[in-house]
Protein backbone atom coordinates (compact mmCIF):
# COMPACT_ATOMS: atom_id res chain seq x y z
CA MET A 1 116.00 68.96 35.39
CA SER A 2 114.15 65.66 34.37
CA ILE A 3 113.04 63.14 37.09
CA PHE A 4 115.55 60.58 36.03
CA SER A 5 118.39 63.32 36.46
CA LEU A 6 117.09 64.21 39.78
CA ILE A 7 116.90 60.60 40.87
CA GLN A 8 120.25 59.88 39.96
CA TYR A 9 121.83 63.21 41.42
CA LEU A 10 120.19 62.39 44.82
CA LEU A 11 121.34 58.95 44.92
CA ALA A 12 124.91 60.02 44.16
CA LYS A 13 124.48 62.51 46.97
CA LEU A 14 123.05 60.01 49.26
CA GLN A 15 126.14 57.62 48.59
CA GLN A 16 128.44 60.45 49.22
CA TRP A 17 126.94 61.62 52.51
CA LEU A 18 126.56 57.93 53.97
CA SER A 19 130.35 57.46 53.17
CA ARG A 20 131.15 60.60 55.01
CA ALA A 21 129.00 59.78 58.00
CA GLU A 22 130.49 56.18 58.39
CA ALA A 23 133.96 57.53 58.30
CA GLY A 24 133.21 60.25 60.77
CA LEU A 25 131.85 57.70 63.17
CA ALA A 26 134.89 55.58 62.82
CA ARG A 27 137.21 58.40 63.38
CA HIS A 28 135.26 59.47 66.41
CA ASP A 29 135.52 55.86 67.95
CA GLU A 30 139.21 55.70 67.03
CA LYS A 31 139.94 59.01 69.08
CA ARG A 32 137.95 58.00 72.10
CA LYS A 33 139.88 54.75 72.03
CA ARG A 34 143.36 56.26 71.90
CA ARG A 35 142.40 58.58 74.77
CA GLY A 36 141.07 55.48 76.78
CA HIS A 37 137.66 56.50 76.82
CA ILE A 38 134.55 54.18 76.40
CA THR A 39 133.59 54.05 72.57
CA THR A 40 130.17 53.71 71.28
CA THR A 41 131.03 50.20 69.55
CA THR A 42 129.14 48.42 72.26
CA ILE A 43 125.97 50.15 71.45
CA ARG A 44 126.50 50.14 67.91
CA SER A 45 127.11 46.52 67.74
CA SER A 46 124.21 45.58 69.74
CA LYS A 47 121.82 42.96 68.31
CA TRP A 48 118.79 45.14 69.46
CA LEU A 49 120.05 48.00 67.27
CA VAL A 50 120.24 45.41 64.45
CA LEU A 51 116.90 44.48 65.24
CA ALA A 52 115.83 48.27 65.15
CA ALA A 53 117.42 48.81 61.66
CA ALA A 54 115.84 45.73 60.19
CA CYS A 55 112.17 46.45 61.76
CA TRP A 56 112.23 50.05 60.65
CA ALA A 57 113.25 49.23 57.22
CA LEU A 58 110.27 46.67 57.08
CA CYS A 59 108.05 49.03 58.43
CA THR A 60 109.02 51.84 56.08
CA THR A 61 108.34 49.85 53.06
CA SER A 62 105.05 48.46 54.28
CA PHE A 63 104.01 51.92 55.38
CA PHE A 64 104.88 53.38 51.84
CA TYR A 65 102.98 50.51 50.04
CA SER A 66 100.10 51.21 52.15
CA SER A 67 100.33 54.76 51.46
CA THR A 68 100.41 54.43 47.98
CA VAL A 69 97.64 51.90 47.71
CA LEU A 70 95.58 54.58 49.24
CA LEU A 71 96.77 57.63 47.26
CA ILE A 72 96.85 56.10 43.66
CA PRO A 73 92.88 56.34 42.95
CA PHE A 74 92.85 59.96 44.07
CA THR A 75 96.06 61.31 42.83
CA LEU A 76 96.88 59.25 39.60
CA GLN A 77 94.29 61.01 37.25
CA THR A 78 95.20 64.47 38.43
CA GLN A 79 98.81 64.26 38.04
CA THR A 80 99.31 61.99 34.85
CA GLY A 81 95.97 63.14 33.03
CA ILE A 82 94.66 59.79 32.00
CA PRO A 83 91.04 59.42 31.31
CA LEU A 84 89.02 58.84 34.26
CA ASP A 85 87.65 55.30 33.13
CA ALA A 86 91.21 54.23 32.93
CA VAL A 87 92.14 54.75 36.69
CA GLN A 88 91.01 51.31 37.79
CA LEU A 89 92.96 49.77 34.96
CA TRP A 90 96.16 51.59 35.73
CA THR A 91 95.67 51.01 39.55
CA GLY A 92 95.75 47.61 39.02
CA ALA A 93 98.87 47.38 36.63
CA LEU A 94 100.80 49.58 39.22
CA VAL A 95 100.16 47.30 42.06
CA GLY A 96 100.66 44.23 39.94
CA GLY A 97 104.01 45.66 38.79
CA TYR A 98 105.00 46.15 42.37
CA SER A 99 104.15 42.68 43.32
CA ALA A 100 105.77 41.20 40.29
CA VAL A 101 109.18 42.71 40.94
CA LEU A 102 108.83 41.82 44.72
CA THR A 103 108.31 38.05 43.65
CA LEU A 104 111.00 38.04 41.02
CA GLY A 105 113.48 39.84 42.92
CA GLY A 106 112.79 37.92 46.13
CA PRO A 107 115.42 35.03 45.08
CA LEU A 108 118.06 37.31 43.52
CA ALA A 109 118.16 39.61 46.77
CA GLY A 110 118.41 36.62 49.14
CA HIS A 111 121.10 35.02 46.98
CA TRP A 112 122.88 38.48 47.40
CA ALA A 113 122.37 38.64 50.97
CA ASP A 114 123.53 35.10 51.35
CA VAL A 115 126.95 35.53 49.63
CA SER A 116 127.63 39.03 51.02
CA ARG A 117 129.53 39.70 54.08
CA SER A 118 127.94 43.22 54.44
CA LYS A 119 124.40 43.38 54.83
CA LYS A 120 124.31 47.11 55.08
CA ARG A 121 125.31 47.63 51.44
CA PRO A 122 122.10 45.88 50.12
CA MET A 123 119.95 47.91 52.69
CA TYR A 124 121.51 51.02 51.50
CA LEU A 125 120.65 50.20 48.06
CA ALA A 126 116.92 49.47 49.08
CA HIS A 127 116.39 52.88 50.67
CA GLY A 128 118.05 54.45 47.61
CA LEU A 129 115.41 52.38 45.27
CA LEU A 130 112.71 53.41 47.90
CA LEU A 131 113.86 57.09 47.60
CA ALA A 132 113.69 56.78 43.80
CA ALA A 133 110.12 55.17 44.13
CA LEU A 134 108.83 58.08 46.37
CA ILE A 135 110.19 60.72 44.13
CA SER A 136 108.78 59.02 41.01
CA THR A 137 105.29 58.68 42.54
CA TRP A 138 105.36 62.23 44.17
CA LYS A 139 106.49 64.44 41.36
CA GLY A 140 105.64 62.16 38.36
CA THR A 141 103.43 63.49 35.78
CA HIS A 142 103.34 60.76 33.31
CA VAL A 143 102.11 57.12 34.12
CA ALA A 144 105.43 55.53 32.91
CA VAL A 145 107.13 57.15 35.61
CA TRP A 146 104.73 56.01 38.21
CA MET A 147 105.18 52.56 36.82
CA LEU A 148 108.93 53.09 37.23
CA GLY A 149 108.34 54.05 40.76
CA ARG A 150 106.24 51.02 41.44
CA LEU A 151 108.91 48.75 40.13
CA CYS A 152 111.63 50.57 42.35
CA HIS A 153 109.52 49.98 45.15
CA GLY A 154 109.40 46.17 44.52
CA ALA A 155 112.89 45.83 44.38
CA ALA A 156 113.34 47.82 47.49
CA GLY A 157 110.93 45.69 49.16
CA SER A 158 112.53 42.33 47.98
CA ILE A 159 115.83 43.53 49.24
CA PHE A 160 114.56 44.74 52.68
CA TRP A 161 112.65 41.36 53.39
CA SER A 162 115.90 39.36 52.20
CA ALA A 163 118.78 41.11 53.68
CA GLY A 164 116.91 42.68 56.77
CA GLN A 165 116.22 39.08 57.78
CA ALA A 166 119.33 37.98 56.96
CA MET A 167 120.80 40.66 59.52
CA LEU A 168 118.51 39.13 62.15
CA ALA A 169 119.76 35.61 61.55
CA ASP A 170 123.31 36.62 61.93
CA ALA A 171 122.74 38.72 64.90
CA PHE A 172 120.44 36.42 66.91
CA GLY A 173 121.26 32.65 65.76
CA PRO A 174 119.02 29.90 65.14
CA GLU A 175 118.01 29.77 69.01
CA ASN A 176 116.56 33.21 68.98
CA ILE A 177 115.40 33.94 65.54
CA GLY A 178 111.91 33.12 66.06
CA SER A 179 111.62 35.94 68.51
CA ALA A 180 113.32 38.41 66.44
CA VAL A 181 110.90 37.55 63.46
CA GLY A 182 108.08 38.31 65.84
CA TYR A 183 109.19 41.95 66.21
CA VAL A 184 109.35 42.14 62.51
CA ASP A 185 105.76 40.75 62.26
CA VAL A 186 104.75 43.54 64.90
CA SER A 187 106.38 46.53 63.12
CA THR A 188 104.85 45.63 59.72
CA SER A 189 101.55 45.11 61.47
CA LEU A 190 101.64 48.60 62.81
CA ALA A 191 102.72 50.11 59.60
CA TYR A 192 99.61 48.41 57.97
CA LEU A 193 97.51 49.54 61.00
CA LEU A 194 98.70 53.25 61.06
CA ALA A 195 99.22 53.97 57.49
CA PRO A 196 95.69 54.20 56.27
CA ILE A 197 94.59 56.12 59.26
CA LEU A 198 97.35 58.65 59.32
CA ASP A 199 97.31 59.16 55.49
CA GLY A 200 93.59 59.57 55.29
CA VAL A 201 93.78 62.07 57.85
CA LEU A 202 96.81 64.00 56.33
CA LEU A 203 95.31 63.87 52.65
CA SER A 204 92.11 65.23 53.65
CA SER A 205 93.70 68.08 55.80
CA LYS A 206 97.08 68.76 54.17
CA GLY A 207 97.09 67.09 50.71
CA ALA A 208 99.11 64.34 49.17
CA ASP A 209 102.55 66.25 49.82
CA ALA A 210 102.18 65.70 53.65
CA VAL A 211 101.42 61.89 53.01
CA TYR A 212 104.73 61.59 50.87
CA GLY A 213 106.73 63.67 53.46
CA VAL A 214 105.85 61.21 56.41
CA SER A 215 107.12 58.21 54.07
CA LEU A 216 110.24 60.11 53.39
CA ALA A 217 110.82 60.97 57.15
CA PHE A 218 110.36 57.21 57.68
CA SER A 219 113.29 56.09 55.03
CA CYS A 220 115.57 58.95 56.42
CA VAL A 221 115.45 57.53 60.04
CA GLY A 222 115.98 53.98 58.57
CA VAL A 223 119.21 55.30 57.02
CA VAL A 224 120.54 56.88 60.11
CA LEU A 225 119.71 53.56 62.05
CA LEU A 226 121.81 51.91 59.32
CA ILE A 227 124.53 54.35 59.87
CA VAL A 228 124.79 54.22 63.55
CA MET A 229 124.68 50.29 63.25
CA SER A 230 128.36 48.99 63.36
CA GLU A 231 129.50 47.06 60.38
CA THR A 232 131.96 45.05 62.83
CA VAL A 233 129.07 42.95 64.27
CA GLN A 234 128.04 41.89 60.82
CA ILE A 235 131.63 40.49 59.94
CA LEU A 236 132.14 38.99 63.11
CA LEU A 237 128.64 37.25 63.16
CA GLN A 238 128.80 35.87 59.74
CA GLY A 239 131.07 33.04 60.66
CA PRO A 240 134.80 31.85 59.85
CA THR A 241 137.20 33.90 57.69
CA GLU A 242 138.40 32.65 54.37
CA GLU A 243 141.30 30.82 56.01
CA GLU A 244 138.95 29.34 58.49
CA GLU A 245 136.53 28.22 55.87
CA GLU A 246 139.16 25.89 54.23
CA ASN A 247 139.26 23.64 57.34
CA VAL A 248 135.26 23.66 57.75
CA GLN A 249 133.98 20.08 57.58
CA PRO A 250 130.57 19.23 55.98
CA MET A 251 127.75 19.78 58.46
CA THR A 252 124.97 17.16 58.93
CA PHE A 253 121.32 18.13 60.08
CA ALA A 254 119.53 15.27 61.10
CA ALA A 255 116.20 14.68 62.67
CA GLY A 256 116.14 15.41 66.53
CA ASN A 257 118.38 17.90 68.20
CA THR A 258 121.56 18.95 66.36
CA THR A 259 124.47 20.83 67.63
CA ILE A 260 126.35 23.05 65.26
CA GLN A 261 130.00 24.25 66.22
CA SER A 262 131.47 27.04 64.29
CA GLY A 263 134.84 28.20 65.76
CA THR A 264 133.88 29.22 69.46
CA THR A 265 130.18 29.62 68.81
CA THR A 266 127.72 26.67 69.49
CA TRP A 267 124.48 26.79 68.12
CA ARG A 268 121.70 24.13 68.72
CA THR A 269 119.08 23.34 66.36
CA ARG A 270 115.45 22.04 67.20
CA LYS A 271 114.06 19.11 65.61
CA PRO A 272 114.43 19.95 61.82
CA ASN A 273 112.25 18.07 59.62
CA VAL A 274 114.86 17.54 56.80
CA HIS A 275 118.06 15.45 56.55
CA LEU A 276 120.63 17.60 54.81
CA VAL A 277 124.25 17.08 54.14
CA LEU A 278 125.96 20.50 53.44
CA ASP A 279 129.55 21.00 52.16
CA THR A 280 129.99 24.74 53.52
CA GLY A 281 132.79 25.32 51.27
CA ASP A 282 130.90 24.19 48.38
CA ALA A 283 129.22 27.23 46.81
CA SER A 284 128.49 25.44 43.30
CA LEU A 285 125.11 25.91 41.72
CA ARG A 286 124.64 22.30 41.95
CA ASN A 287 125.07 22.25 45.94
CA ARG A 288 122.61 25.28 45.92
CA VAL A 289 120.02 23.51 43.94
CA LYS A 290 120.18 20.38 46.09
CA LEU A 291 119.90 22.62 49.11
CA VAL A 292 116.62 24.30 47.63
CA ARG A 293 115.15 20.91 46.64
CA HIS A 294 115.55 19.70 50.13
CA LEU A 295 114.03 22.65 51.66
CA LEU A 296 111.00 22.40 49.52
CA SER A 297 110.52 18.90 50.23
CA SER A 298 110.08 19.86 53.92
CA PRO A 299 106.32 19.91 54.95
CA ARG A 300 107.27 22.65 57.71
CA MET A 301 108.56 24.60 54.93
CA MET A 302 105.79 24.36 52.60
CA ALA A 303 103.16 25.12 55.26
CA ALA A 304 105.07 28.21 55.91
CA LEU A 305 105.19 29.32 52.24
CA PHE A 306 101.66 28.50 51.77
CA GLY A 307 100.70 30.59 55.03
CA CYS A 308 102.83 33.42 53.47
CA PHE A 309 100.91 33.21 50.16
CA VAL A 310 97.53 33.15 52.17
CA ALA A 311 98.45 36.28 54.11
CA GLY A 312 99.73 38.11 50.85
CA ASN A 313 96.35 37.49 49.01
CA VAL A 314 94.36 38.73 51.96
CA LEU A 315 96.53 42.14 51.91
């Protein structure tokens, strides 16, 4: 069986297993509800569980990135058989391929997370891509397979960062999103800290298989968290239904404190720097381009983007 057939088979089995697991949890809650017992919906709909799923996913992709950066110089030549003097060239190409897909896939993944009412589907796809990247790097015997794995990892990372933070925005709202993103930063920082230390010990004592096994275990835990997390909370927190959206009026974000009301939920923003008039019912390309242009004209947004650019270069 080729590596591509193995990846396709595992992704199909993963999707089948996820569907059965979610259906089983739904049936279990329905039985307890009919008997008058307390269901697990309250726990599964908790915003802290959403935070745990998002943080764990971002921690997983960061951990795997740190692991592969450590392993590529040591295992690339032995697994693929390339000349020793070409290892440095291919190491840079593999890391560059990951970064390129992560950069180009970010806007696309963000758009998908924005228009999708279910944030779990993109996250499931990201875990599948991460699994494909893991297997390609773990068992690949050709440098092209390694490159394919790095591209899959970049696509998975772009979805994790976009859909994961979109989940947090839905669960916590504008007032508390800062603290939620702080937890995300802690989780990724821990991954960058622990991965080189743990992988160095495992590589010297147990070999590369143990390093990849840890990354696989991280991904499996992330999938379990997504399964346990209730999809209902995502639908309820994403705003009005299609019937309610017809009566939604354009929202104005002005300088100073602004109160945003949507149904029975009231959010209050804190001194935005940009004056925006958005028609929430207009999803045209022109309206989205206008929004992006306004965001890029914000000094606060440009400062945040520049800070992320500097941090990425340091890493």
